[in-house]
Every structure is written in structure tokens, then in C-alpha cells.
Amino acid sequence: MAKSSRCLWCILSMIVSGAIAIAVVFTVKKKMDDKKLSEGSVDDKYADALVVAMQFFDVQKSGKLVDDVIPWRGDSGLKDGSVADLDLSKGMYDAGDNLKFGFPMAFTATVLSWAILEYGNHMEHVNHLEYAKGSLRWITDFLINAHPSENVLYIQVGDPEEDHKCWQKPENMTEKRPLKRVNKSLPGSDVAAETAAAMASASLVFKKADSTYSSTLLKHAKQLFTFANKHKGSYTESLPELAEYYNSTGYGDELIWGASWLYHATGDKSYLEYLTGEDAETYAEVDGPTWFSWDNKLAGAQVLLSRLSMLGGASGISGLKDYKKAAEDLMCALLPDSPSATSSRTKSGLIWISEWDSLQHPVGSAFLAALYSDYMRTSNSDKISCGDESFDHSDLRKFAKSQAEYVLGDNPMEISYLVGYGKKYPKFVHHRGASIPADAKTGCSDGSKWLASKKPNPNVAMGAMVGGPFKNESFIDSRNNSMQTEPTTYNSALLVGLLSSLVTNSDAVKSLRAK
């Protein structure tokens, strides 16, 4: 559908008059000047890939859909939350199944908010800024409803065990959709603080366009952070049956992450004190760099707080220097020519940490590197020192591009891991909706024939970034190979952030609150 529309547009554009063409060029150039885009023009490769990547959010939406952006998707989960008299119909399915997990969904919202705040002008340049905001709001609408009172947060919709027995489209679900929640007696500091981060960051996104909605988000964010900090505990310790799916390895990083976003959203120095006082000594001090993911946000917080030291907003506060130093240590680990470069990478240079969902860590690392590169360039920072070597912002951007290029096809398999982009991409994506014909009337059990089918998926999961290659850089395109072919919504947010950063160069905004 998208390709046909673009081809038609190309044909029409070829027959418009020269005067109109000149006017369009002038308008685009003026728009670029107005947005202060600098150091070169738009990179069409990354712009095209960004447009593709954003479509996966529509693929994953639950609820009553307002259009047919993805023609093989329809309304689903309309009664989600009804067992608790809540409307949890919106939100997004986490991966190739039909479940809504609040922990990774909130992370998706936080990362997408960050990408919009930092690179919204880049998104606007490809006419997808409002699209990104719409996807974000689809999640935050869910999160608001999932927080019906100060110390209660609903964190899961659906039964994983029952869901995984079925291979069916979300539109055809008939089984019960139970809920899981955290509260004072069953604490979940990790999921509550991550949801606080999502709402605080999103409040900045909607601050100018919808101040009432922004204020609502910020109110929830403050309450959730207080809940997370006052009633400490990991949600997978409170609800151990959930540990099989998104097991949390600790909540300290989420508390730092949540406080970081609340400080950016409010300017309230109590959050800054939290980040630089005794709480930081408990939760922010680690031995060496960590990897940014849905489970560990500390590296993201270190980069986010570095912008305060580098671009203003809280300069001179000694505690922030520790975050900046930790962020630079991470950058040194990522740079391939650094004396302290991590050896956790493939022969082709892809950061490789985990056999499952292997692309999450390189894409997340590249996004952080691109951000830090822009902070350095905008603040005219000196080079960072890695042992006896020094590197500048262009080295970090080069690394970020190398990871993006790998995802988009510059790899030994010569395959794009972004579905819908390039000439060759996975055709057997582990995704229920994509694998079942739109007109099929299958239920829970009889849908398994589509899982076992030897034919490519009848529907293209546009914008899905699949799990990725093994350490030896091999990739088996099989629907049963969920380790490598299952996409996730939170990975899409990381990829959207990375691609947005690479569309062009522009100065980093001085303050996210000013947006």
C-alpha cells in the first residue's frame, strides 16, 4: 500500500509545472532554514527507513482503530480492562503475540518521547512528527487509564500462558483477558518508575499543543514516582509468575531514570537532589558501563543527565559530573578504536550482547551515541578521552551510522532487518497478525496451521525490526525461529530514535522543557 502510493506520487510529481516545482524547493529550503538544520542536507536513506519504521506502531495498536493505515489490521481488545471497570482497550501489543505488558510498553513511550523531543524537527522534515505523537498518545492514553489511583497501576492485559497456546489474530480473540496490577502490598518500583518516566517525558511532548493533557500526564508521573519510591520492590518479585516474560533485574535504574525525566519536565530541584544525593549513591553507582534496554535504563539516564552539564540547565552541580563521566565511559566502550572498546561485537562490528533479540542492544547503544555526539557538537565540547586516545563527536556519529547501516542491509547476510525496507528483508516474521490472511476465520487452535505454513507471511509487518543475527552473523528466516524473527514494539522505538538522529544534522535543543 505504501509503496504504491509513493510510486503514484512520483508519477504525479514528474508532470507538475516547473514553477510549482521551484516553489516546492523554495518552501522545503525555507523550512530547513527555519528549523536550523545544519551541516548538510537530508539523508534519503535514513529518511525512507524512518518512514517505514514508524509504521510498526500502527501494526501493534490495540483498540478501535481510526483508519486503515495497516489494511490487514482491525479493531481488537475492545473490552480489555472491563473486568476492573477500566478502559484498557488502547496501548500496543509487545511483540508477535496479543499481550500488553506495561513495563516494556512504558519504555516504548519514554524512548519515543525522547526521540520526538530531541529530533522532532527531523521527523517533521519527513512529515511524520504528528504521526509519532499520535503513536505516543495511543500508549499514554492506556497508561493514564491503567493508573486509576495513586498507589495502583495495572501492568498487564492477557494471560501469557493461554495466549501462547493460541496462534490467532488479535481481532479474533475470544479467551478471557485477565489483568495484573501492582499496589502497596504488591510493589513494583521498576514498572511504576518507568511509567512515571514515560508520562513525564510525554508531558513535555504535548506541553504546547495540549497543555491540559500534558498536565494530566505530569500529575500521574509525580504520583507514580512517589509510589515507586515509597513502596519499594520489584514487580517480578511481587508477581513471580511474570518473571518468565519481562523479568526485572532491579528497580534502582528505573528510579534514577524516572527522577531524571521528572526533573526535565518540572525543574523541581527535589528530583535533582534525588539524583545527586544518597539515593544516587544507592542506585546510580555501578562498576563500568551498562547496556541500555527495557530492563536497564541507567545508561540512558547517564546520557540524559549529561545534557544538563553540557547544554545548561543545572551546570555547576558536582553530582552531575559523575553521570557525564559514566556516559563518556560508555562512549569509549562503544567506539571500536578506543583502548577500552568492548569486545562484545561481531566480526562486522555489530554490538552483540544477547542471542535473543540481538539487535536491541546495538540499536539502543547507537541511539545513545548519536545523542551524545549531538550534545558534544552543540556545546563545542572538547574531545572525550579514552585512555591515551581522544575522539570527537564525528567518531560517535560514525559508530551510530555503522550500527544503523548493519540493520538496513550492510551485513554479511545482505538482508535488511527492517521489514519493508530494501530489496531483501525477512518474509517469515514471527507475528500472528502478519502470518494469517486477513480474511481467515481461524480461532485459537486451528490458526496453528499458519504458524507451520511454509509460505511467506501473507501480510507485511511494515516497520518491524526483527530480533536479528546470531554472533556468527547468520540469520534463519523462519516463523518458528522467534529468537531471530520476532519483532518488538520497544525495539521499534529505539530504531525510530536512531534513524531520526541520522536523517540530518541539527543543533541539540538547549532545554527539553523549552520544547
Protein backbone atom coordinates (compact mmCIF):
# COMPACT_ATOMS: atom_id res chain seq x y z
CA MET A 1 0.00 0.00 0.00
CA ALA A 2 2.70 2.50 1.00
CA LYS A 3 4.91 1.64 -1.98
CA SER A 4 2.05 2.00 -4.48
CA SER A 5 1.12 5.39 -3.03
CA ARG A 6 4.70 6.61 -3.28
CA CYS A 7 5.02 5.46 -6.90
CA LEU A 8 1.83 7.31 -7.82
CA TRP A 9 3.14 10.40 -6.13
CA CYS A 10 6.37 10.11 -8.11
CA ILE A 11 4.47 9.96 -11.41
CA LEU A 12 2.35 12.96 -10.50
CA SER A 13 5.36 14.94 -9.35
CA MET A 14 7.03 14.44 -12.70
CA ILE A 15 4.21 16.17 -14.55
CA VAL A 16 3.78 19.24 -12.35
CA SER A 17 4.89 22.54 -13.83
CA GLY A 18 8.36 23.90 -13.38
CA ALA A 19 7.03 26.89 -11.49
CA ILE A 20 5.38 24.68 -8.86
CA ALA A 21 8.50 22.56 -8.55
CA ILE A 22 10.59 25.64 -7.91
CA ALA A 23 8.09 26.82 -5.32
CA VAL A 24 8.24 23.46 -3.56
CA VAL A 25 12.03 23.52 -3.47
CA PHE A 26 11.96 27.04 -2.08
CA THR A 27 9.41 26.06 0.58
CA VAL A 28 11.42 23.00 1.66
CA LYS A 29 14.61 25.02 1.81
CA LYS A 30 12.93 27.70 3.88
CA LYS A 31 11.54 25.06 6.21
CA MET A 32 15.03 23.65 6.66
CA ASP A 33 16.40 27.10 7.39
CA ASP A 34 13.62 27.80 9.87
CA LYS A 35 14.42 24.59 11.72
CA LYS A 36 18.12 25.46 11.71
CA LEU A 37 19.13 22.23 10.07
CA SER A 38 22.88 22.40 9.62
CA GLU A 39 25.87 20.53 8.26
CA GLY A 40 24.35 19.02 5.17
CA SER A 41 21.06 18.01 3.65
CA VAL A 42 18.63 15.25 4.45
CA ASP A 43 19.92 11.69 4.01
CA ASP A 44 17.24 9.99 1.92
CA LYS A 45 18.22 6.52 3.09
CA TYR A 46 17.57 7.26 6.73
CA ALA A 47 14.51 9.37 5.93
CA ASP A 48 12.96 6.50 3.95
CA ALA A 49 13.86 3.97 6.63
CA LEU A 50 12.35 6.21 9.33
CA VAL A 51 9.03 6.40 7.48
CA VAL A 52 8.99 2.60 7.22
CA ALA A 53 9.98 2.03 10.86
CA MET A 54 7.23 4.23 12.25
CA GLN A 55 4.55 2.08 10.62
CA PHE A 56 5.11 -0.76 13.08
CA PHE A 57 3.37 1.24 15.79
CA ASP A 58 0.16 1.01 13.75
CA VAL A 59 0.73 -2.72 13.28
CA GLN A 60 0.83 -3.14 17.06
CA LYS A 61 -2.13 -0.99 18.10
CA SER A 62 -4.95 -2.42 20.18
CA GLY A 63 -8.39 -0.86 20.44
CA LYS A 64 -10.74 0.77 17.96
CA LEU A 65 -8.60 1.80 15.01
CA VAL A 66 -9.42 5.10 13.39
CA ASP A 67 -8.15 4.35 9.88
CA ASP A 68 -6.81 1.61 7.62
CA VAL A 69 -3.13 2.54 7.66
CA ILE A 70 -2.43 -1.18 8.01
CA PRO A 71 -5.18 -2.77 5.87
CA TRP A 72 -4.96 -6.22 7.46
CA ARG A 73 -5.42 -4.88 10.99
CA GLY A 74 -8.78 -4.18 12.63
CA ASP A 75 -10.36 -3.42 15.98
CA SER A 76 -9.19 -5.65 18.83
CA GLY A 77 -9.07 -5.77 22.61
CA LEU A 78 -12.12 -3.53 22.85
CA LYS A 79 -13.15 -4.98 26.21
CA ASP A 80 -9.67 -5.00 27.72
CA GLY A 81 -9.85 -3.74 31.30
CA SER A 82 -13.59 -4.29 31.63
CA VAL A 83 -13.11 -6.86 34.43
CA ALA A 84 -11.89 -3.94 36.57
CA ASP A 85 -14.28 -1.36 35.09
CA LEU A 86 -11.38 0.26 33.22
CA ASP A 87 -10.89 1.11 29.57
CA LEU A 88 -7.58 -0.52 28.66
CA SER A 89 -8.52 -1.05 25.04
CA LYS A 90 -5.70 1.13 23.71
CA GLY A 91 -1.99 0.54 24.13
CA MET A 92 0.14 -1.72 21.96
CA TYR A 93 0.92 -5.43 21.82
CA ASP A 94 4.51 -6.00 22.83
CA ALA A 95 5.67 -8.34 20.08
CA GLY A 96 4.30 -11.06 17.81
CA ASP A 97 1.67 -12.13 20.33
CA ASN A 98 -1.52 -10.49 21.61
CA LEU A 99 -0.41 -9.38 25.07
CA LYS A 100 0.07 -5.96 26.61
CA PHE A 101 2.94 -5.74 29.07
CA GLY A 102 3.12 -2.40 30.87
CA PHE A 103 6.85 -2.50 31.61
CA PRO A 104 8.17 -2.61 28.02
CA MET A 105 5.20 -0.54 26.77
CA ALA A 106 6.11 2.30 29.10
CA PHE A 107 9.74 2.07 27.97
CA THR A 108 8.49 2.33 24.38
CA ALA A 109 6.70 5.57 25.28
CA THR A 110 9.71 7.03 27.10
CA VAL A 111 12.11 6.36 24.23
CA LEU A 112 9.63 7.61 21.63
CA SER A 113 9.12 10.78 23.67
CA TRP A 114 12.88 11.28 23.90
CA ALA A 115 13.23 10.86 20.15
CA ILE A 116 10.45 13.39 19.49
CA LEU A 117 11.89 15.92 21.93
CA GLU A 118 15.40 15.70 20.51
CA TYR A 119 14.66 15.11 16.83
CA GLY A 120 11.12 16.27 16.24
CA ASN A 121 12.35 18.70 13.61
CA HIS A 122 13.90 15.78 11.73
CA MET A 123 10.61 13.87 11.95
CA GLU A 124 8.72 16.92 10.75
CA HIS A 125 11.01 17.10 7.76
CA VAL A 126 9.69 13.74 6.57
CA ASN A 127 6.12 14.70 7.56
CA HIS A 128 5.96 12.20 10.40
CA LEU A 129 6.14 14.30 13.56
CA GLU A 130 2.37 14.26 14.14
CA TYR A 131 2.37 10.57 13.29
CA ALA A 132 4.93 9.93 16.02
CA LYS A 133 2.94 12.00 18.51
CA GLY A 134 -0.20 10.06 17.64
CA SER A 135 1.57 6.76 18.27
CA LEU A 136 2.87 8.06 21.58
CA ARG A 137 -0.56 9.24 22.68
CA TRP A 138 -2.04 5.82 21.85
CA ILE A 139 0.22 4.44 24.59
CA THR A 140 -0.12 7.26 27.11
CA ASP A 141 -3.93 7.11 26.88
CA PHE A 142 -3.59 3.50 28.02
CA LEU A 143 -1.14 4.36 30.78
CA ILE A 144 -3.41 7.05 32.20
CA ASN A 145 -6.31 4.61 32.42
CA ALA A 146 -4.02 1.94 33.87
CA HIS A 147 -3.33 4.22 36.86
CA PRO A 148 -6.79 4.63 38.45
CA SER A 149 -5.48 5.68 41.88
CA GLU A 150 -2.21 6.92 43.36
CA ASN A 151 -0.89 3.55 44.53
CA VAL A 152 -2.43 1.22 41.94
CA LEU A 153 -1.03 0.53 38.47
CA TYR A 154 -2.30 -2.12 36.08
CA ILE A 155 0.68 -3.61 34.30
CA GLN A 156 -0.56 -6.49 32.15
CA VAL A 157 -3.53 -7.39 29.97
CA GLY A 158 -3.99 -11.01 28.94
CA ASP A 159 -2.79 -14.38 30.18
CA PRO A 160 0.61 -15.24 28.64
CA GLU A 161 0.18 -18.97 29.16
CA GLU A 162 -3.23 -19.03 27.45
CA ASP A 163 -2.19 -16.58 24.75
CA HIS A 164 0.85 -18.61 23.80
CA LYS A 165 -1.32 -21.70 23.32
CA CYS A 166 -3.07 -19.85 20.50
CA TRP A 167 -1.96 -18.67 17.10
CA GLN A 168 -4.64 -16.19 16.15
CA LYS A 169 -5.13 -12.61 15.07
CA PRO A 170 -5.90 -10.15 17.88
CA GLU A 171 -9.12 -9.29 16.06
CA ASN A 172 -10.36 -12.86 16.68
CA MET A 173 -9.52 -13.20 20.38
CA THR A 174 -12.31 -14.76 22.45
CA GLU A 175 -10.48 -16.01 25.54
CA LYS A 176 -10.57 -14.13 28.84
CA ARG A 177 -8.27 -11.14 29.27
CA PRO A 178 -7.24 -11.08 32.96
CA LEU A 179 -5.30 -8.18 34.45
CA LYS A 180 -2.27 -7.88 36.70
CA ARG A 181 -1.53 -4.89 38.91
CA VAL A 182 0.92 -3.58 41.48
CA ASN A 183 -0.06 -1.73 44.65
CA LYS A 184 1.23 -1.04 48.16
CA SER A 185 1.11 -4.71 49.18
CA LEU A 186 2.47 -5.90 45.82
CA PRO A 187 5.01 -3.19 44.97
CA GLY A 188 6.53 -2.65 41.57
CA SER A 189 9.03 0.19 41.80
CA ASP A 190 10.54 -0.69 38.43
CA VAL A 191 7.34 -0.63 36.39
CA ALA A 192 5.89 2.31 38.33
CA ALA A 193 9.05 4.43 37.92
CA GLU A 194 9.30 3.53 34.23
CA THR A 195 5.68 4.56 33.75
CA ALA A 196 6.47 7.80 35.59
CA ALA A 197 9.33 8.38 33.14
CA ALA A 198 7.01 7.72 30.21
CA MET A 199 4.40 10.17 31.45
CA ALA A 200 6.90 12.86 32.44
CA SER A 201 8.67 12.74 29.09
CA ALA A 202 5.38 12.65 27.19
CA SER A 203 4.16 15.65 29.16
CA LEU A 204 6.96 17.62 27.53
CA VAL A 205 5.96 16.41 24.07
CA PHE A 206 2.37 17.62 24.48
CA LYS A 207 3.12 20.70 26.57
CA LYS A 208 2.45 23.30 23.88
CA ALA A 209 -0.14 21.52 21.77
CA ASP A 210 -2.34 20.26 24.61
CA SER A 211 -1.44 21.78 27.97
CA THR A 212 -4.35 20.08 29.76
CA TYR A 213 -3.29 16.63 28.60
CA SER A 214 0.32 17.46 29.46
CA SER A 215 -0.68 18.47 32.99
CA THR A 216 -2.64 15.24 33.41
CA LEU A 217 0.39 13.21 32.39
CA LEU A 218 2.65 15.10 34.75
CA LYS A 219 0.24 14.61 37.65
CA HIS A 220 0.28 10.84 37.06
CA ALA A 221 4.07 10.86 36.69
CA LYS A 222 4.59 12.53 40.06
CA GLN A 223 2.18 10.18 41.81
CA LEU A 224 3.74 7.11 40.27
CA PHE A 225 7.27 8.15 41.17
CA THR A 226 6.21 8.75 44.76
CA PHE A 227 4.53 5.33 44.80
CA ALA A 228 7.64 3.68 43.32
CA ASN A 229 9.98 5.34 45.79
CA LYS A 230 7.85 4.92 48.89
CA HIS A 231 6.81 1.29 48.38
CA LYS A 232 9.97 -0.34 47.09
CA GLY A 233 10.11 -3.71 45.43
CA SER A 234 10.48 -5.34 42.03
CA TYR A 235 7.28 -6.22 40.23
CA THR A 236 8.54 -9.67 39.25
CA GLU A 237 9.27 -10.41 42.89
CA SER A 238 5.78 -9.32 43.83
CA LEU A 239 4.31 -11.28 40.92
CA PRO A 240 6.85 -14.06 40.24
CA GLU A 241 4.65 -15.67 37.59
CA LEU A 242 5.53 -12.70 35.34
CA ALA A 243 9.28 -13.25 35.57
CA GLU A 244 9.24 -15.64 32.61
CA TYR A 245 8.39 -12.85 30.22
CA TYR A 246 9.87 -9.48 31.22
CA ASN A 247 11.87 -10.22 34.32
CA SER A 248 13.20 -7.14 36.04
CA THR A 249 16.73 -7.40 37.36
CA GLY A 250 16.27 -4.44 39.71
CA TYR A 251 14.44 -1.18 40.19
CA GLY A 252 17.26 1.24 41.03
CA ASP A 253 17.87 2.21 37.41
CA GLU A 254 14.18 2.99 36.89
CA LEU A 255 14.13 5.24 39.96
CA ILE A 256 17.09 7.21 38.58
CA TRP A 257 15.51 7.25 35.09
CA GLY A 258 12.16 8.40 36.43
CA ALA A 259 13.70 11.16 38.56
CA SER A 260 15.75 12.30 35.57
CA TRP A 261 12.69 12.76 33.40
CA LEU A 262 10.70 14.40 36.19
CA TYR A 263 13.48 16.94 36.70
CA HIS A 264 13.50 17.72 32.98
CA ALA A 265 9.71 18.02 32.99
CA THR A 266 9.36 20.14 36.13
CA GLY A 267 12.65 21.80 37.02
CA ASP A 268 11.86 20.78 40.61
CA LYS A 269 15.18 20.62 42.43
CA SER A 270 13.95 17.87 44.75
CA TYR A 271 14.38 15.48 41.82
CA LEU A 272 17.86 16.83 41.19
CA GLU A 273 18.69 16.27 44.84
CA TYR A 274 17.43 12.72 44.49
CA LEU A 275 19.80 12.25 41.54
CA THR A 276 22.84 13.64 43.31
CA GLY A 277 22.33 12.67 46.97
CA GLU A 278 22.12 9.48 48.97
CA ASP A 279 19.67 7.86 46.56
CA ALA A 280 22.21 8.23 43.76
CA GLU A 281 24.83 6.53 45.92
CA THR A 282 22.43 3.62 46.30
CA TYR A 283 21.08 3.30 42.76
CA ALA A 284 23.36 5.10 40.30
CA GLU A 285 26.81 3.78 41.12
CA VAL A 286 27.80 0.75 39.07
CA ASP A 287 31.08 -0.84 38.09
CA GLY A 288 31.57 0.04 34.45
CA PRO A 289 29.19 0.75 31.54
CA THR A 290 25.77 -0.88 31.30
CA TRP A 291 23.62 -1.67 28.27
CA PHE A 292 20.52 0.37 27.55
CA SER A 293 17.37 -1.76 27.26
CA TRP A 294 13.82 -2.24 28.53
CA ASP A 295 15.34 -3.79 31.65
CA ASN A 296 18.21 -1.38 32.37
CA LYS A 297 17.80 2.37 31.93
CA LEU A 298 20.92 3.56 33.73
CA ALA A 299 22.94 4.24 30.57
CA GLY A 300 20.04 6.25 29.18
CA ALA A 301 19.82 8.28 32.39
CA GLN A 302 23.56 8.97 32.26
CA VAL A 303 23.30 10.38 28.74
CA LEU A 304 20.09 12.29 29.52
CA LEU A 305 21.67 13.91 32.58
CA SER A 306 24.84 14.69 30.65
CA ARG A 307 22.88 17.13 28.53
CA LEU A 308 22.36 19.22 31.70
CA SER A 309 26.09 19.52 32.21
CA MET A 310 26.86 20.10 28.54
CA LEU A 311 23.94 22.26 27.41
CA GLY A 312 22.99 24.03 30.61
CA GLY A 313 20.08 23.72 32.96
CA ALA A 314 21.96 22.51 36.01
CA SER A 315 25.58 23.42 35.44
CA GLY A 316 27.94 23.50 38.36
CA ILE A 317 26.25 20.73 40.32
CA SER A 318 29.03 18.33 41.18
CA GLY A 319 26.86 15.22 41.32
CA LEU A 320 26.02 15.52 37.63
CA LYS A 321 29.68 15.18 36.70
CA ASP A 322 29.55 11.54 37.76
CA TYR A 323 26.79 10.85 35.24
CA LYS A 324 28.74 12.60 32.49
CA LYS A 325 31.86 10.60 33.34
CA ALA A 326 29.84 7.37 33.24
CA ALA A 327 28.33 8.36 29.90
CA GLU A 328 31.80 9.01 28.48
CA ASP A 329 32.97 5.63 29.73
CA LEU A 330 30.10 4.08 27.80
CA MET A 331 31.02 6.02 24.67
CA CYS A 332 34.59 4.78 24.99
CA ALA A 333 33.30 1.23 25.23
CA LEU A 334 31.23 1.68 22.07
CA LEU A 335 33.90 3.29 19.88
CA PRO A 336 35.65 0.44 18.04
CA ASP A 337 39.07 2.14 18.01
CA SER A 338 39.02 3.03 21.69
CA PRO A 339 41.53 1.32 24.02
CA SER A 340 38.55 0.38 26.22
CA ALA A 341 36.32 -0.77 23.36
CA THR A 342 34.06 -3.65 24.25
CA SER A 343 34.88 -6.95 22.61
CA SER A 344 31.18 -7.81 22.62
CA ARG A 345 30.65 -7.36 18.90
CA THR A 346 30.54 -9.41 15.73
CA LYS A 347 33.35 -9.54 13.17
CA SER A 348 31.49 -6.92 11.13
CA GLY A 349 31.33 -4.56 14.09
CA LEU A 350 27.78 -5.02 15.36
CA ILE A 351 27.48 -4.69 19.13
CA TRP A 352 26.31 -8.13 20.21
CA ILE A 353 25.18 -8.83 23.76
CA SER A 354 22.30 -11.29 23.68
CA GLU A 355 21.30 -14.21 21.48
CA TRP A 356 17.63 -13.34 21.97
CA ASP A 357 16.61 -10.06 20.36
CA SER A 358 20.20 -9.34 19.43
CA LEU A 359 19.56 -6.01 17.67
CA GLN A 360 18.12 -4.29 20.73
CA HIS A 361 21.49 -3.50 22.30
CA PRO A 362 23.35 -2.22 19.20
CA VAL A 363 20.42 -0.03 18.19
CA GLY A 364 19.99 1.29 21.72
CA SER A 365 23.73 1.91 22.01
CA ALA A 366 23.80 3.71 18.66
CA PHE A 367 20.89 5.94 19.69
CA LEU A 368 22.73 6.99 22.85
CA ALA A 369 25.93 7.58 20.86
CA ALA A 370 24.08 9.80 18.37
CA LEU A 371 22.57 11.81 21.21
CA TYR A 372 25.91 12.26 22.96
CA SER A 373 27.54 13.21 19.66
CA ASP A 374 24.98 15.97 19.14
CA TYR A 375 25.41 17.21 22.71
CA MET A 376 29.17 17.42 22.14
CA ARG A 377 28.86 19.23 18.82
CA THR A 378 26.25 21.70 20.04
CA SER A 379 28.17 22.55 23.22
CA ASN A 380 31.52 22.73 21.40
CA SER A 381 32.81 20.19 23.89
CA ASP A 382 36.37 19.02 23.75
CA LYS A 383 37.11 15.52 22.61
CA ILE A 384 36.45 12.70 25.01
CA SER A 385 39.46 10.83 26.31
CA CYS A 386 39.57 7.05 26.22
CA GLY A 387 42.83 6.05 27.81
CA ASP A 388 45.60 7.63 25.74
CA GLU A 389 43.32 8.21 22.76
CA SER A 390 40.85 11.00 22.13
CA PHE A 391 37.72 11.09 19.96
CA ASP A 392 35.32 13.78 18.82
CA HIS A 393 31.62 13.89 18.05
CA SER A 394 32.11 12.71 14.46
CA ASP A 395 33.58 9.43 15.71
CA LEU A 396 30.45 8.75 17.75
CA ARG A 397 28.21 9.60 14.81
CA LYS A 398 30.24 7.27 12.61
CA PHE A 399 29.68 4.47 15.11
CA ALA A 400 25.95 5.20 15.28
CA LYS A 401 25.75 5.06 11.48
CA SER A 402 27.63 1.76 11.38
CA GLN A 403 25.00 0.09 13.56
CA ALA A 404 22.15 1.60 11.54
CA GLU A 405 23.75 0.52 8.27
CA TYR A 406 24.05 -3.03 9.56
CA VAL A 407 20.34 -3.11 10.37
CA LEU A 408 19.46 -1.69 6.96
CA GLY A 409 21.40 -4.28 4.98
CA ASP A 410 25.15 -3.69 5.23
CA ASN A 411 25.83 -7.08 6.81
CA PRO A 412 27.17 -10.48 5.72
CA MET A 413 23.64 -11.78 5.04
CA GLU A 414 22.94 -8.71 2.86
CA ILE A 415 19.47 -8.53 4.36
CA SER A 416 17.59 -5.59 5.81
CA TYR A 417 16.39 -6.45 9.30
CA LEU A 418 13.79 -3.70 8.94
CA VAL A 419 10.72 -5.29 7.33
CA GLY A 420 9.51 -3.32 4.33
CA TYR A 421 12.82 -1.56 3.73
CA GLY A 422 15.23 -2.56 0.97
CA LYS A 423 15.08 -5.27 -1.66
CA LYS A 424 15.55 -8.17 0.76
CA TYR A 425 14.02 -8.42 4.22
CA PRO A 426 12.53 -11.23 6.37
CA LYS A 427 9.37 -12.77 4.92
CA PHE A 428 8.59 -15.22 7.77
CA VAL A 429 8.28 -12.76 10.63
CA HIS A 430 7.13 -14.39 13.88
CA HIS A 431 3.94 -12.37 14.16
CA ARG A 432 0.41 -13.73 14.44
CA GLY A 433 -1.41 -10.99 12.55
CA ALA A 434 1.10 -10.85 9.73
CA SER A 435 1.12 -14.62 9.23
CA ILE A 436 -2.66 -15.14 8.96
CA PRO A 437 -4.61 -13.99 5.88
CA ALA A 438 -6.83 -11.01 6.60
CA ASP A 439 -9.98 -12.90 5.56
CA ALA A 440 -9.18 -16.07 7.54
CA LYS A 441 -11.75 -17.03 10.20
CA THR A 442 -9.45 -19.14 12.35
CA GLY A 443 -9.76 -19.39 16.12
CA CYS A 444 -7.29 -20.26 18.85
CA SER A 445 -6.12 -23.74 17.91
CA ASP A 446 -6.84 -24.05 14.19
CA GLY A 447 -4.71 -20.97 13.48
CA SER A 448 -1.58 -23.02 14.15
CA LYS A 449 -1.55 -24.10 10.51
CA TRP A 450 -0.41 -20.59 9.64
CA LEU A 451 2.46 -20.85 12.11
CA ALA A 452 3.54 -24.09 10.43
CA SER A 453 2.97 -22.84 6.88
CA LYS A 454 5.97 -22.95 4.55
CA LYS A 455 4.68 -19.94 2.66
CA PRO A 456 5.84 -16.37 3.42
CA ASN A 457 3.57 -14.22 5.55
CA PRO A 458 0.55 -13.03 3.55
CA ASN A 459 0.75 -9.65 5.29
CA VAL A 460 3.83 -7.46 5.59
CA ALA A 461 4.54 -6.29 9.14
CA MET A 462 5.74 -2.92 7.88
CA GLY A 463 8.39 -1.33 10.05
CA ALA A 464 9.08 -4.39 12.18
CA MET A 465 12.70 -4.78 13.23
CA VAL A 466 13.19 -8.49 13.78
CA GLY A 467 15.34 -9.96 16.55
CA GLY A 468 18.48 -10.10 14.44
CA PRO A 469 21.54 -12.23 13.73
CA PHE A 470 23.46 -14.72 15.82
CA LYS A 471 27.01 -13.94 16.96
CA ASN A 472 28.37 -15.59 13.79
CA GLU A 473 26.11 -13.17 11.82
CA SER A 474 23.89 -15.90 10.43
CA PHE A 475 20.13 -15.45 10.24
CA ILE A 476 17.42 -18.06 9.65
CA ASP A 477 14.23 -16.59 8.27
CA SER A 478 11.71 -18.96 9.84
CA ARG A 479 8.41 -18.21 11.56
CA ASN A 480 9.26 -20.79 14.23
CA ASN A 481 12.57 -19.08 14.91
CA SER A 482 11.16 -16.48 17.30
CA MET A 483 14.63 -15.83 18.72
CA GLN A 484 15.60 -14.16 15.45
CA THR A 485 12.39 -13.26 13.61
CA GLU A 486 10.09 -11.85 16.31
CA PRO A 487 9.81 -8.04 16.32
CA THR A 488 9.05 -5.90 19.37
CA THR A 489 7.44 -2.50 19.78
CA TYR A 490 10.10 -1.22 22.16
CA ASN A 491 12.85 -2.04 19.66
CA SER A 492 10.95 -0.01 17.09
CA ALA A 493 11.08 2.99 19.43
CA LEU A 494 14.86 2.66 19.72
CA LEU A 495 15.21 2.34 15.95
CA VAL A 496 12.96 5.35 15.35
CA GLY A 497 15.17 7.33 17.71
CA LEU A 498 18.33 6.24 15.93
CA LEU A 499 17.03 6.85 12.42
CA SER A 500 15.59 10.22 13.43
CA SER A 501 19.01 11.30 14.66
CA LEU A 502 20.60 10.38 11.34
CA VAL A 503 18.10 11.99 8.94
CA THR A 504 20.20 15.15 9.07
CA ASN A 505 22.32 17.17 11.48
CA SER A 506 20.93 19.94 13.65
CA ASP A 507 21.89 21.57 16.90
CA ALA A 508 20.53 19.89 20.01
CA VAL A 509 17.83 21.87 21.78
CA LYS A 510 19.16 23.66 24.84
CA SER A 511 16.33 22.55 27.11
CA LEU A 512 13.77 19.82 26.65
CA ARG A 513 11.37 21.84 28.80
CA ALA A 514 11.56 24.67 26.27
CA LYS A 515 10.06 22.38 23.63
